[in-house]
Amino acid sequence: METVKDTTKSDWVIFLISLAGMIALLAFADEWFWLALPFVLTYFVKALKFM
């Protein structure tokens, strides 16, 4: 059970970092923001334990 909590916690951290990166790309280079989309969406789904 402890590894599940650690995994979920790390998934949330990676999601938030990639979300911040996507927002930064959207602000400064909006034509490249889609590069961060797979990371944001994948780790959001993993953090919600749907995958």
PDB file of N, CA and C in Angstrom:
ATOM      1  N   MET A   1       0.820  -1.200   0.000  1.00  0.00           N
ATOM      2  CA  MET A   1       0.000   0.000   0.000  1.00  0.00           C
ATOM      3  C   MET A   1       0.861   1.259   0.000  1.00  0.00           C
ATOM      4  N   GLU A   2       2.006   1.168   0.609  1.00  0.00           N
ATOM      5  CA  GLU A   2       2.884   2.341   0.683  1.00  0.00           C
ATOM      6  C   GLU A   2       3.414   2.732  -0.700  1.00  0.00           C
ATOM      7  N   THR A   3       3.703   1.747  -1.546  1.00  0.00           N
ATOM      8  CA  THR A   3       4.200   2.073  -2.884  1.00  0.00           C
ATOM      9  C   THR A   3       3.123   2.724  -3.740  1.00  0.00           C
ATOM     10  N   VAL A   4       1.874   2.390  -3.510  1.00  0.00           N
ATOM     11  CA  VAL A   4       0.786   3.010  -4.271  1.00  0.00           C
ATOM     12  C   VAL A   4       0.698   4.491  -3.937  1.00  0.00           C
ATOM     13  N   LYS A   5       0.824   4.842  -2.667  1.00  0.00           N
ATOM     14  CA  LYS A   5       0.785   6.249  -2.279  1.00  0.00           C
ATOM     15  C   LYS A   5       1.968   7.009  -2.842  1.00  0.00           C
ATOM     16  N   ASP A   6       3.161   6.398  -2.827  1.00  0.00           N
ATOM     17  CA  ASP A   6       4.343   7.048  -3.378  1.00  0.00           C
ATOM     18  C   ASP A   6       4.214   7.242  -4.880  1.00  0.00           C
ATOM     19  N   THR A   7       3.679   6.238  -5.545  1.00  0.00           N
ATOM     20  CA  THR A   7       3.493   6.333  -6.986  1.00  0.00           C
ATOM     21  C   THR A   7       2.491   7.420  -7.327  1.00  0.00           C
ATOM     22  N   THR A   8       1.391   7.471  -6.605  1.00  0.00           N
ATOM     23  CA  THR A   8       0.390   8.501  -6.861  1.00  0.00           C
ATOM     24  C   THR A   8       0.950   9.885  -6.573  1.00  0.00           C
ATOM     25  N   LYS A   9       1.714  10.003  -5.516  1.00  0.00           N
ATOM     26  CA  LYS A   9       2.321  11.293  -5.169  1.00  0.00           C
ATOM     27  C   LYS A   9       3.295  11.737  -6.252  1.00  0.00           C
ATOM     28  N   SER A  10       4.108  10.826  -6.742  1.00  0.00           N
ATOM     29  CA  SER A  10       5.058  11.186  -7.798  1.00  0.00           C
ATOM     30  C   SER A  10       4.328  11.492  -9.107  1.00  0.00           C
ATOM     31  N   ASP A  11       3.228  10.796  -9.367  1.00  0.00           N
ATOM     32  CA  ASP A  11       2.444  11.099 -10.570  1.00  0.00           C
ATOM     33  C   ASP A  11       1.858  12.504 -10.503  1.00  0.00           C
ATOM     34  N   TRP A  12       1.383  12.902  -9.329  1.00  0.00           N
ATOM     35  CA  TRP A  12       0.860  14.265  -9.170  1.00  0.00           C
ATOM     36  C   TRP A  12       1.965  15.303  -9.347  1.00  0.00           C
ATOM     37  N   VAL A  13       3.145  15.014  -8.839  1.00  0.00           N
ATOM     38  CA  VAL A  13       4.263  15.956  -8.973  1.00  0.00           C
ATOM     39  C   VAL A  13       4.663  16.097 -10.443  1.00  0.00           C
ATOM     40  N   ILE A  14       4.776  14.973 -11.143  1.00  0.00           N
ATOM     41  CA  ILE A  14       5.130  15.029 -12.560  1.00  0.00           C
ATOM     42  C   ILE A  14       4.037  15.734 -13.352  1.00  0.00           C
ATOM     43  N   PHE A  15       2.780  15.487 -13.000  1.00  0.00           N
ATOM     44  CA  PHE A  15       1.675  16.174 -13.671  1.00  0.00           C
ATOM     45  C   PHE A  15       1.768  17.685 -13.477  1.00  0.00           C
ATOM     46  N   LEU A  16       2.014  18.124 -12.256  1.00  0.00           N
ATOM     47  CA  LEU A  16       2.078  19.567 -11.989  1.00  0.00           C
ATOM     48  C   LEU A  16       3.271  20.221 -12.681  1.00  0.00           C
ATOM     49  N   ILE A  17       4.401  19.535 -12.712  1.00  0.00           N
ATOM     50  CA  ILE A  17       5.577  20.082 -13.400  1.00  0.00           C
ATOM     51  C   ILE A  17       5.316  20.176 -14.898  1.00  0.00           C
ATOM     52  N   SER A  18       4.732  19.137 -15.469  1.00  0.00           N
ATOM     53  CA  SER A  18       4.449  19.181 -16.901  1.00  0.00           C
ATOM     54  C   SER A  18       3.351  20.190 -17.228  1.00  0.00           C
ATOM     55  N   LEU A  19       2.408  20.380 -16.313  1.00  0.00           N
ATOM     56  CA  LEU A  19       1.379  21.407 -16.512  1.00  0.00           C
ATOM     57  C   LEU A  19       1.996  22.802 -16.500  1.00  0.00           C
ATOM     58  N   ALA A  20       2.913  23.028 -15.581  1.00  0.00           N
ATOM     59  CA  ALA A  20       3.611  24.316 -15.547  1.00  0.00           C
ATOM     60  C   ALA A  20       4.415  24.520 -16.825  1.00  0.00           C
ATOM     61  N   GLY A  21       5.047  23.460 -17.305  1.00  0.00           N
ATOM     62  CA  GLY A  21       5.784  23.558 -18.567  1.00  0.00           C
ATOM     63  C   GLY A  21       4.872  23.849 -19.736  1.00  0.00           C
ATOM     64  N   MET A  22       3.694  23.230 -19.750  1.00  0.00           N
ATOM     65  CA  MET A  22       2.752  23.474 -20.829  1.00  0.00           C
ATOM     66  C   MET A  22       2.238  24.914 -20.791  1.00  0.00           C
ATOM     67  N   ILE A  23       1.968  25.418 -19.606  1.00  0.00           N
ATOM     68  CA  ILE A  23       1.510  26.803 -19.486  1.00  0.00           C
ATOM     69  C   ILE A  23       2.608  27.774 -19.917  1.00  0.00           C
ATOM     70  N   ALA A  24       3.862  27.463 -19.562  1.00  0.00           N
ATOM     71  CA  ALA A  24       4.978  28.307 -19.992  1.00  0.00           C
ATOM     72  C   ALA A  24       5.124  28.274 -21.512  1.00  0.00           C
ATOM     73  N   LEU A  25       4.990  27.089 -22.089  1.00  0.00           N
ATOM     74  CA  LEU A  25       5.052  27.006 -23.550  1.00  0.00           C
ATOM     75  C   LEU A  25       3.897  27.759 -24.187  1.00  0.00           C
ATOM     76  N   LEU A  26       2.733  27.688 -23.587  1.00  0.00           N
ATOM     77  CA  LEU A  26       1.571  28.394 -24.117  1.00  0.00           C
ATOM     78  C   LEU A  26       1.773  29.908 -24.039  1.00  0.00           C
ATOM     79  N   ALA A  27       2.461  30.369 -23.004  1.00  0.00           N
ATOM     80  CA  ALA A  27       2.677  31.801 -22.837  1.00  0.00           C
ATOM     81  C   ALA A  27       3.774  32.339 -23.756  1.00  0.00           C
ATOM     82  N   PHE A  28       4.835  31.536 -23.950  1.00  0.00           N
ATOM     83  CA  PHE A  28       6.000  32.062 -24.666  1.00  0.00           C
ATOM     84  C   PHE A  28       6.174  31.508 -26.078  1.00  0.00           C
ATOM     85  N   ALA A  29       5.705  30.319 -26.324  1.00  0.00           N
ATOM     86  CA  ALA A  29       5.833  29.722 -27.652  1.00  0.00           C
ATOM     87  C   ALA A  29       4.582  28.890 -27.907  1.00  0.00           C
ATOM     88  N   ASP A  30       3.475  29.578 -28.145  1.00  0.00           N
ATOM     89  CA  ASP A  30       2.183  28.892 -28.202  1.00  0.00           C
ATOM     90  C   ASP A  30       2.081  27.846 -29.306  1.00  0.00           C
ATOM     91  N   GLU A  31       2.895  27.944 -30.331  1.00  0.00           N
ATOM     92  CA  GLU A  31       2.826  26.928 -31.381  1.00  0.00           C
ATOM     93  C   GLU A  31       3.475  25.605 -30.967  1.00  0.00           C
ATOM     94  N   TRP A  32       4.171  25.583 -29.831  1.00  0.00           N
ATOM     95  CA  TRP A  32       4.844  24.378 -29.350  1.00  0.00           C
ATOM     96  C   TRP A  32       4.210  23.783 -28.094  1.00  0.00           C
ATOM     97  N   PHE A  33       3.115  24.336 -27.598  1.00  0.00           N
ATOM     98  CA  PHE A  33       2.546  23.848 -26.342  1.00  0.00           C
ATOM     99  C   PHE A  33       2.057  22.410 -26.435  1.00  0.00           C
ATOM    100  N   TRP A  34       1.715  21.959 -27.623  1.00  0.00           N
ATOM    101  CA  TRP A  34       1.202  20.603 -27.801  1.00  0.00           C
ATOM    102  C   TRP A  34       2.246  19.547 -27.466  1.00  0.00           C
ATOM    103  N   LEU A  35       3.524  19.913 -27.426  1.00  0.00           N
ATOM    104  CA  LEU A  35       4.558  18.946 -27.067  1.00  0.00           C
ATOM    105  C   LEU A  35       4.408  18.458 -25.633  1.00  0.00           C
ATOM    106  N   ALA A  36       3.852  19.280 -24.758  1.00  0.00           N
ATOM    107  CA  ALA A  36       3.686  18.898 -23.361  1.00  0.00           C
ATOM    108  C   ALA A  36       2.367  18.161 -23.105  1.00  0.00           C
ATOM    109  N   LEU A  37       1.461  18.181 -24.051  1.00  0.00           N
ATOM    110  CA  LEU A  37       0.146  17.560 -23.850  1.00  0.00           C
ATOM    111  C   LEU A  37       0.192  16.069 -23.494  1.00  0.00           C
ATOM    112  N   PRO A  38       1.006  15.252 -24.160  1.00  0.00           N
ATOM    113  CA  PRO A  38       1.022  13.829 -23.781  1.00  0.00           C
ATOM    114  C   PRO A  38       1.437  13.607 -22.325  1.00  0.00           C
ATOM    115  N   PHE A  39       2.412  14.380 -21.845  1.00  0.00           N
ATOM    116  CA  PHE A  39       2.852  14.230 -20.459  1.00  0.00           C
ATOM    117  C   PHE A  39       1.770  14.678 -19.484  1.00  0.00           C
ATOM    118  N   VAL A  40       1.153  15.798 -19.759  1.00  0.00           N
ATOM    119  CA  VAL A  40       0.112  16.310 -18.877  1.00  0.00           C
ATOM    120  C   VAL A  40      -1.058  15.333 -18.801  1.00  0.00           C
ATOM    121  N   LEU A  41      -1.515  14.882 -19.932  1.00  0.00           N
ATOM    122  CA  LEU A  41      -2.683  14.002 -19.950  1.00  0.00           C
ATOM    123  C   LEU A  41      -2.373  12.620 -19.372  1.00  0.00           C
ATOM    124  N   THR A  42      -1.224  12.065 -19.704  1.00  0.00           N
ATOM    125  CA  THR A  42      -0.866  10.737 -19.205  1.00  0.00           C
ATOM    126  C   THR A  42      -0.726  10.726 -17.692  1.00  0.00           C
ATOM    127  N   TYR A  43       0.011  11.683 -17.151  1.00  0.00           N
ATOM    128  CA  TYR A  43       0.228  11.674 -15.707  1.00  0.00           C
ATOM    129  C   TYR A  43      -1.002  12.123 -14.932  1.00  0.00           C
ATOM    130  N   PHE A  44      -1.893  12.881 -15.549  1.00  0.00           N
ATOM    131  CA  PHE A  44      -3.156  13.204 -14.891  1.00  0.00           C
ATOM    132  C   PHE A  44      -4.015  11.961 -14.752  1.00  0.00           C
ATOM    133  N   VAL A  45      -4.070  11.175 -15.816  1.00  0.00           N
ATOM    134  CA  VAL A  45      -4.844   9.925 -15.764  1.00  0.00           C
ATOM    135  C   VAL A  45      -4.227   8.945 -14.781  1.00  0.00           C
ATOM    136  N   LYS A  46      -2.888   8.850 -14.756  1.00  0.00           N
ATOM    137  CA  LYS A  46      -2.229   7.951 -13.810  1.00  0.00           C
ATOM    138  C   LYS A  46      -2.434   8.415 -12.368  1.00  0.00           C
ATOM    139  N   ALA A  47      -2.425   9.703 -12.127  1.00  0.00           N
ATOM    140  CA  ALA A  47      -2.608  10.231 -10.777  1.00  0.00           C
ATOM    141  C   ALA A  47      -4.027   9.969 -10.279  1.00  0.00           C
ATOM    142  N   LEU A  48      -4.975   9.963 -11.179  1.00  0.00           N
ATOM    143  CA  LEU A  48      -6.358   9.655 -10.799  1.00  0.00           C
ATOM    144  C   LEU A  48      -6.621   8.159 -10.719  1.00  0.00           C
ATOM    145  N   LYS A  49      -5.595   7.352 -10.979  1.00  0.00           N
ATOM    146  CA  LYS A  49      -5.653   5.890 -10.908  1.00  0.00           C
ATOM    147  C   LYS A  49      -6.624   5.290 -11.923  1.00  0.00           C
ATOM    148  N   PHE A  50      -6.740   5.898 -13.088  1.00  0.00           N
ATOM    149  CA  PHE A  50      -7.554   5.337 -14.149  1.00  0.00           C
ATOM    150  C   PHE A  50      -6.720   4.452 -15.066  1.00  0.00           C
ATOM    151  N   MET A  51      -5.399   4.486 -14.901  1.00  0.00           N
ATOM    152  CA  MET A  51      -4.538   3.704 -15.767  1.00  0.00           C
ATOM    153  C   MET A  51      -3.603   2.866 -14.942  1.00  0.00           C
TER     154      MET A  51
END
